[in-house]
Amino acid sequence: MSVPDLNTISETPTWLLPGSACNAVGTEPLPGRTFIVSVEFSDTYNGFPDTYRADVHVTLLDGELYHYVPTC
């Protein structure tokens, strides 16, 4: 489960994708408006809850919201 904290959302028009095995450093994100927002993620492992918070980049394009996952 993930819950964004909409009080933390702000536009980041100059943000570039970080380098990884899947993309070169400084790769442009999707066209559209890119934002950063704090998101609380929670899950259960062996019956124990696990919760953490992370800043996530998302892009709004043609009425759809896209998020960036750091995996290939």
PDB file of N, CA and C in Angstrom:
ATOM      1  N   MET A   1       0.840  -1.164   0.000  1.00  0.00           N
ATOM      2  CA  MET A   1       0.000   0.000   0.000  1.00  0.00           C
ATOM      3  C   MET A   1       0.896   1.241   0.000  1.00  0.00           C
ATOM      4  N   SER A   2       0.480   2.266  -0.688  1.00  0.00           N
ATOM      5  CA  SER A   2       1.226   3.521  -0.668  1.00  0.00           C
ATOM      6  C   SER A   2       0.247   4.681  -0.550  1.00  0.00           C
ATOM      7  N   VAL A   3       0.626   5.672   0.281  1.00  0.00           N
ATOM      8  CA  VAL A   3      -0.221   6.832   0.524  1.00  0.00           C
ATOM      9  C   VAL A   3       0.624   8.093   0.343  1.00  0.00           C
ATOM     10  N   PRO A   4       0.325   8.901  -0.687  1.00  0.00           N
ATOM     11  CA  PRO A   4       1.085  10.139  -0.870  1.00  0.00           C
ATOM     12  C   PRO A   4       0.632  11.202   0.123  1.00  0.00           C
ATOM     13  N   ASP A   5       1.565  12.001   0.571  1.00  0.00           N
ATOM     14  CA  ASP A   5       1.262  13.147   1.424  1.00  0.00           C
ATOM     15  C   ASP A   5       1.157  14.353   0.495  1.00  0.00           C
ATOM     16  N   LEU A   6      -0.054  14.700   0.089  1.00  0.00           N
ATOM     17  CA  LEU A   6      -0.257  15.753  -0.904  1.00  0.00           C
ATOM     18  C   LEU A   6       0.160  17.131  -0.407  1.00  0.00           C
ATOM     19  N   ASN A   7       0.376  17.266   0.908  1.00  0.00           N
ATOM     20  CA  ASN A   7       0.882  18.535   1.435  1.00  0.00           C
ATOM     21  C   ASN A   7       2.345  18.753   1.062  1.00  0.00           C
ATOM     22  N   THR A   8       3.030  17.698   0.594  1.00  0.00           N
ATOM     23  CA  THR A   8       4.453  17.804   0.275  1.00  0.00           C
ATOM     24  C   THR A   8       4.721  17.916  -1.222  1.00  0.00           C
ATOM     25  N   ILE A   9       3.703  17.902  -2.054  1.00  0.00           N
ATOM     26  CA  ILE A   9       3.917  17.883  -3.500  1.00  0.00           C
ATOM     27  C   ILE A   9       4.434  19.232  -4.006  1.00  0.00           C
ATOM     28  N   SER A  10       5.438  19.156  -4.876  1.00  0.00           N
ATOM     29  CA  SER A  10       5.944  20.371  -5.514  1.00  0.00           C
ATOM     30  C   SER A  10       6.469  20.002  -6.899  1.00  0.00           C
ATOM     31  N   GLU A  11       6.334  20.941  -7.803  1.00  0.00           N
ATOM     32  CA  GLU A  11       6.771  20.705  -9.182  1.00  0.00           C
ATOM     33  C   GLU A  11       8.293  20.764  -9.258  1.00  0.00           C
ATOM     34  N   THR A  12       8.886  19.880 -10.066  1.00  0.00           N
ATOM     35  CA  THR A  12      10.338  19.834 -10.255  1.00  0.00           C
ATOM     36  C   THR A  12      10.640  19.824 -11.758  1.00  0.00           C
ATOM     37  N   PRO A  13      10.498  20.972 -12.415  1.00  0.00           N
ATOM     38  CA  PRO A  13      10.627  21.020 -13.873  1.00  0.00           C
ATOM     39  C   PRO A  13      12.032  20.716 -14.401  1.00  0.00           C
ATOM     40  N   THR A  14      13.059  20.798 -13.573  1.00  0.00           N
ATOM     41  CA  THR A  14      14.424  20.550 -14.048  1.00  0.00           C
ATOM     42  C   THR A  14      14.961  19.177 -13.650  1.00  0.00           C
ATOM     43  N   TRP A  15      14.126  18.330 -13.018  1.00  0.00           N
ATOM     44  CA  TRP A  15      14.572  17.012 -12.558  1.00  0.00           C
ATOM     45  C   TRP A  15      14.916  16.120 -13.744  1.00  0.00           C
ATOM     46  N   LEU A  16      16.000  15.371 -13.612  1.00  0.00           N
ATOM     47  CA  LEU A  16      16.408  14.386 -14.613  1.00  0.00           C
ATOM     48  C   LEU A  16      16.494  13.024 -13.952  1.00  0.00           C
ATOM     49  N   LEU A  17      16.229  11.971 -14.724  1.00  0.00           N
ATOM     50  CA  LEU A  17      16.328  10.609 -14.194  1.00  0.00           C
ATOM     51  C   LEU A  17      17.766  10.318 -13.790  1.00  0.00           C
ATOM     52  N   PRO A  18      17.984   9.698 -12.632  1.00  0.00           N
ATOM     53  CA  PRO A  18      19.334   9.299 -12.255  1.00  0.00           C
ATOM     54  C   PRO A  18      19.798   8.135 -13.123  1.00  0.00           C
ATOM     55  N   GLY A  19      21.082   7.969 -13.252  1.00  0.00           N
ATOM     56  CA  GLY A  19      21.617   6.879 -14.051  1.00  0.00           C
ATOM     57  C   GLY A  19      21.379   5.524 -13.407  1.00  0.00           C
ATOM     58  N   SER A  20      21.218   4.509 -14.247  1.00  0.00           N
ATOM     59  CA  SER A  20      21.066   3.133 -13.774  1.00  0.00           C
ATOM     60  C   SER A  20      21.493   2.208 -14.913  1.00  0.00           C
ATOM     61  N   ALA A  21      21.387   0.919 -14.690  1.00  0.00           N
ATOM     62  CA  ALA A  21      21.701  -0.043 -15.747  1.00  0.00           C
ATOM     63  C   ALA A  21      20.716   0.074 -16.910  1.00  0.00           C
ATOM     64  N   CYS A  22      19.579   0.746 -16.666  1.00  0.00           N
ATOM     65  CA  CYS A  22      18.530   0.847 -17.691  1.00  0.00           C
ATOM     66  C   CYS A  22      18.536   2.174 -18.443  1.00  0.00           C
ATOM     67  N   ASN A  23      19.138   3.202 -17.886  1.00  0.00           N
ATOM     68  CA  ASN A  23      19.137   4.502 -18.558  1.00  0.00           C
ATOM     69  C   ASN A  23      20.404   5.281 -18.219  1.00  0.00           C
ATOM     70  N   ALA A  24      20.787   6.119 -19.143  1.00  0.00           N
ATOM     71  CA  ALA A  24      21.985   6.949 -18.967  1.00  0.00           C
ATOM     72  C   ALA A  24      21.714   8.046 -17.941  1.00  0.00           C
ATOM     73  N   VAL A  25      22.769   8.525 -17.303  1.00  0.00           N
ATOM     74  CA  VAL A  25      22.651   9.635 -16.358  1.00  0.00           C
ATOM     75  C   VAL A  25      22.064  10.843 -17.081  1.00  0.00           C
ATOM     76  N   GLY A  26      21.130  11.515 -16.424  1.00  0.00           N
ATOM     77  CA  GLY A  26      20.567  12.735 -16.983  1.00  0.00           C
ATOM     78  C   GLY A  26      19.524  12.525 -18.054  1.00  0.00           C
ATOM     79  N   THR A  27      18.965  11.327 -18.148  1.00  0.00           N
ATOM     80  CA  THR A  27      17.924  11.063 -19.130  1.00  0.00           C
ATOM     81  C   THR A  27      16.694  11.901 -18.808  1.00  0.00           C
ATOM     82  N   GLU A  28      16.101  12.483 -19.829  1.00  0.00           N
ATOM     83  CA  GLU A  28      14.901  13.301 -19.635  1.00  0.00           C
ATOM     84  C   GLU A  28      13.734  12.423 -19.187  1.00  0.00           C
ATOM     85  N   PRO A  29      12.920  12.907 -18.247  1.00  0.00           N
ATOM     86  CA  PRO A  29      11.704  12.174 -17.897  1.00  0.00           C
ATOM     87  C   PRO A  29      10.688  12.325 -19.028  1.00  0.00           C
ATOM     88  N   LEU A  30       9.532  11.732 -18.869  1.00  0.00           N
ATOM     89  CA  LEU A  30       8.470  11.876 -19.849  1.00  0.00           C
ATOM     90  C   LEU A  30       8.141  13.349 -20.045  1.00  0.00           C
ATOM     91  N   PRO A  31       7.646  13.723 -21.228  1.00  0.00           N
ATOM     92  CA  PRO A  31       7.151  15.095 -21.358  1.00  0.00           C
ATOM     93  C   PRO A  31       5.946  15.256 -20.445  1.00  0.00           C
ATOM     94  N   GLY A  32       5.641  16.441 -20.062  1.00  0.00           N
ATOM     95  CA  GLY A  32       4.539  16.688 -19.121  1.00  0.00           C
ATOM     96  C   GLY A  32       5.072  17.441 -17.925  1.00  0.00           C
ATOM     97  N   ARG A  33       4.330  17.456 -16.848  1.00  0.00           N
ATOM     98  CA  ARG A  33       4.728  18.153 -15.626  1.00  0.00           C
ATOM     99  C   ARG A  33       5.210  17.134 -14.607  1.00  0.00           C
ATOM    100  N   THR A  34       6.440  17.316 -14.106  1.00  0.00           N
ATOM    101  CA  THR A  34       7.032  16.383 -13.154  1.00  0.00           C
ATOM    102  C   THR A  34       7.010  16.991 -11.754  1.00  0.00           C
ATOM    103  N   PHE A  35       6.652  16.151 -10.777  1.00  0.00           N
ATOM    104  CA  PHE A  35       6.508  16.565  -9.383  1.00  0.00           C
ATOM    105  C   PHE A  35       7.282  15.611  -8.483  1.00  0.00           C
ATOM    106  N   ILE A  36       7.571  16.081  -7.272  1.00  0.00           N
ATOM    107  CA  ILE A  36       8.108  15.221  -6.223  1.00  0.00           C
ATOM    108  C   ILE A  36       7.105  15.257  -5.068  1.00  0.00           C
ATOM    109  N   VAL A  37       6.894  14.096  -4.452  1.00  0.00           N
ATOM    110  CA  VAL A  37       5.936  13.997  -3.354  1.00  0.00           C
ATOM    111  C   VAL A  37       6.440  12.935  -2.375  1.00  0.00           C
ATOM    112  N   SER A  38       6.211  13.167  -1.100  1.00  0.00           N
ATOM    113  CA  SER A  38       6.567  12.196  -0.071  1.00  0.00           C
ATOM    114  C   SER A  38       5.463  11.140   0.000  1.00  0.00           C
ATOM    115  N   VAL A  39       5.875   9.871  -0.023  1.00  0.00           N
ATOM    116  CA  VAL A  39       4.911   8.771  -0.023  1.00  0.00           C
ATOM    117  C   VAL A  39       5.252   7.810   1.120  1.00  0.00           C
ATOM    118  N   GLU A  40       4.226   7.382   1.849  1.00  0.00           N
ATOM    119  CA  GLU A  40       4.406   6.370   2.881  1.00  0.00           C
ATOM    120  C   GLU A  40       4.011   5.020   2.305  1.00  0.00           C
ATOM    121  N   PHE A  41       4.949   4.080   2.341  1.00  0.00           N
ATOM    122  CA  PHE A  41       4.731   2.729   1.840  1.00  0.00           C
ATOM    123  C   PHE A  41       4.586   1.801   3.034  1.00  0.00           C
ATOM    124  N   SER A  42       3.638   0.865   2.957  1.00  0.00           N
ATOM    125  CA  SER A  42       3.493  -0.099   4.033  1.00  0.00           C
ATOM    126  C   SER A  42       3.188  -1.473   3.461  1.00  0.00           C
ATOM    127  N   ASP A  43       3.635  -2.473   4.184  1.00  0.00           N
ATOM    128  CA  ASP A  43       3.460  -3.852   3.780  1.00  0.00           C
ATOM    129  C   ASP A  43       3.538  -4.705   5.049  1.00  0.00           C
ATOM    130  N   THR A  44       3.255  -5.964   4.918  1.00  0.00           N
ATOM    131  CA  THR A  44       3.379  -6.884   6.043  1.00  0.00           C
ATOM    132  C   THR A  44       4.276  -8.041   5.629  1.00  0.00           C
ATOM    133  N   TYR A  45       5.247  -8.360   6.481  1.00  0.00           N
ATOM    134  CA  TYR A  45       6.158  -9.463   6.224  1.00  0.00           C
ATOM    135  C   TYR A  45       6.138 -10.388   7.419  1.00  0.00           C
ATOM    136  N   ASN A  46       5.754 -11.643   7.219  1.00  0.00           N
ATOM    137  CA  ASN A  46       5.651 -12.622   8.314  1.00  0.00           C
ATOM    138  C   ASN A  46       4.771 -12.114   9.455  1.00  0.00           C
ATOM    139  N   GLY A  47       3.732 -11.372   9.090  1.00  0.00           N
ATOM    140  CA  GLY A  47       2.806 -10.872  10.098  1.00  0.00           C
ATOM    141  C   GLY A  47       3.218  -9.594  10.778  1.00  0.00           C
ATOM    142  N   PHE A  48       4.412  -9.065  10.444  1.00  0.00           N
ATOM    143  CA  PHE A  48       4.896  -7.831  11.048  1.00  0.00           C
ATOM    144  C   PHE A  48       4.755  -6.680  10.056  1.00  0.00           C
ATOM    145  N   PRO A  49       4.166  -5.576  10.492  1.00  0.00           N
ATOM    146  CA  PRO A  49       4.033  -4.430   9.588  1.00  0.00           C
ATOM    147  C   PRO A  49       5.388  -3.753   9.347  1.00  0.00           C
ATOM    148  N   ASP A  50       5.570  -3.278   8.154  1.00  0.00           N
ATOM    149  CA  ASP A  50       6.789  -2.556   7.780  1.00  0.00           C
ATOM    150  C   ASP A  50       6.358  -1.302   7.033  1.00  0.00           C
ATOM    151  N   THR A  51       6.748  -0.144   7.522  1.00  0.00           N
ATOM    152  CA  THR A  51       6.363   1.127   6.918  1.00  0.00           C
ATOM    153  C   THR A  51       7.600   1.984   6.720  1.00  0.00           C
ATOM    154  N   TYR A  52       7.681   2.634   5.571  1.00  0.00           N
ATOM    155  CA  TYR A  52       8.762   3.591   5.339  1.00  0.00           C
ATOM    156  C   TYR A  52       8.264   4.707   4.447  1.00  0.00           C
ATOM    157  N   ARG A  53       8.971   5.815   4.464  1.00  0.00           N
ATOM    158  CA  ARG A  53       8.595   7.001   3.703  1.00  0.00           C
ATOM    159  C   ARG A  53       9.723   7.309   2.718  1.00  0.00           C
ATOM    160  N   ALA A  54       9.348   7.722   1.517  1.00  0.00           N
ATOM    161  CA  ALA A  54      10.330   8.080   0.496  1.00  0.00           C
ATOM    162  C   ALA A  54       9.779   9.205  -0.377  1.00  0.00           C
ATOM    163  N   ASP A  55      10.682   9.999  -0.921  1.00  0.00           N
ATOM    164  CA  ASP A  55      10.298  11.017  -1.894  1.00  0.00           C
ATOM    165  C   ASP A  55      10.266  10.367  -3.269  1.00  0.00           C
ATOM    166  N   VAL A  56       9.169  10.551  -3.986  1.00  0.00           N
ATOM    167  CA  VAL A  56       8.936   9.889  -5.262  1.00  0.00           C
ATOM    168  C   VAL A  56       8.676  10.939  -6.334  1.00  0.00           C
ATOM    169  N   HIS A  57       9.263  10.738  -7.507  1.00  0.00           N
ATOM    170  CA  HIS A  57       8.984  11.605  -8.649  1.00  0.00           C
ATOM    171  C   HIS A  57       7.873  10.998  -9.488  1.00  0.00           C
ATOM    172  N   VAL A  58       6.966  11.850  -9.942  1.00  0.00           N
ATOM    173  CA  VAL A  58       5.863  11.433 -10.803  1.00  0.00           C
ATOM    174  C   VAL A  58       5.713  12.462 -11.916  1.00  0.00           C
ATOM    175  N   THR A  59       5.194  12.020 -13.052  1.00  0.00           N
ATOM    176  CA  THR A  59       4.938  12.930 -14.166  1.00  0.00           C
ATOM    177  C   THR A  59       3.476  12.831 -14.568  1.00  0.00           C
ATOM    178  N   LEU A  60       2.843  13.977 -14.710  1.00  0.00           N
ATOM    179  CA  LEU A  60       1.463  14.071 -15.179  1.00  0.00           C
ATOM    180  C   LEU A  60       1.500  14.349 -16.669  1.00  0.00           C
ATOM    181  N   LEU A  61       0.939  13.437 -17.456  1.00  0.00           N
ATOM    182  CA  LEU A  61       0.963  13.546 -18.917  1.00  0.00           C
ATOM    183  C   LEU A  61      -0.381  13.096 -19.467  1.00  0.00           C
ATOM    184  N   ASP A  62      -1.062  13.991 -20.159  1.00  0.00           N
ATOM    185  CA  ASP A  62      -2.358  13.682 -20.778  1.00  0.00           C
ATOM    186  C   ASP A  62      -3.357  13.092 -19.787  1.00  0.00           C
ATOM    187  N   GLY A  63      -3.387  13.640 -18.570  1.00  0.00           N
ATOM    188  CA  GLY A  63      -4.345  13.199 -17.568  1.00  0.00           C
ATOM    189  C   GLY A  63      -3.975  11.902 -16.851  1.00  0.00           C
ATOM    190  N   GLU A  64      -2.823  11.322 -17.171  1.00  0.00           N
ATOM    191  CA  GLU A  64      -2.348  10.094 -16.523  1.00  0.00           C
ATOM    192  C   GLU A  64      -1.130  10.432 -15.669  1.00  0.00           C
ATOM    193  N   LEU A  65      -0.986   9.743 -14.537  1.00  0.00           N
ATOM    194  CA  LEU A  65       0.141   9.955 -13.647  1.00  0.00           C
ATOM    195  C   LEU A  65       1.100   8.779 -13.757  1.00  0.00           C
ATOM    196  N   TYR A  66       2.364   9.053 -14.028  1.00  0.00           N
ATOM    197  CA  TYR A  66       3.396   8.032 -14.177  1.00  0.00           C
ATOM    198  C   TYR A  66       4.418   8.196 -13.075  1.00  0.00           C
ATOM    199  N   HIS A  67       4.851   7.093 -12.459  1.00  0.00           N
ATOM    200  CA  HIS A  67       5.901   7.170 -11.447  1.00  0.00           C
ATOM    201  C   HIS A  67       7.122   6.398 -11.945  1.00  0.00           C
ATOM    202  N   TYR A  68       8.234   6.667 -11.345  1.00  0.00           N
ATOM    203  CA  TYR A  68       9.519   6.114 -11.789  1.00  0.00           C
ATOM    204  C   TYR A  68       9.984   5.063 -10.799  1.00  0.00           C
ATOM    205  N   VAL A  69      10.263   3.878 -11.291  1.00  0.00           N
ATOM    206  CA  VAL A  69      10.706   2.762 -10.470  1.00  0.00           C
ATOM    207  C   VAL A  69      12.163   2.479 -10.798  1.00  0.00           C
ATOM    208  N   PRO A  70      13.073   2.450  -9.804  1.00  0.00           N
ATOM    209  CA  PRO A  70      14.499   2.303 -10.075  1.00  0.00           C
ATOM    210  C   PRO A  70      14.927   0.843 -10.335  1.00  0.00           C
ATOM    211  N   THR A  71      14.232   0.161 -11.235  1.00  0.00           N
ATOM    212  CA  THR A  71      14.597  -1.197 -11.606  1.00  0.00           C
ATOM    213  C   THR A  71      14.517  -1.345 -13.112  1.00  0.00           C
ATOM    214  N   CYS A  72      15.087  -2.400 -13.626  1.00  0.00           N
ATOM    215  CA  CYS A  72      15.032  -2.673 -15.067  1.00  0.00           C
ATOM    216  C   CYS A  72      13.924  -3.641 -15.377  1.00  0.00           C
TER     217      CYS A  72
END
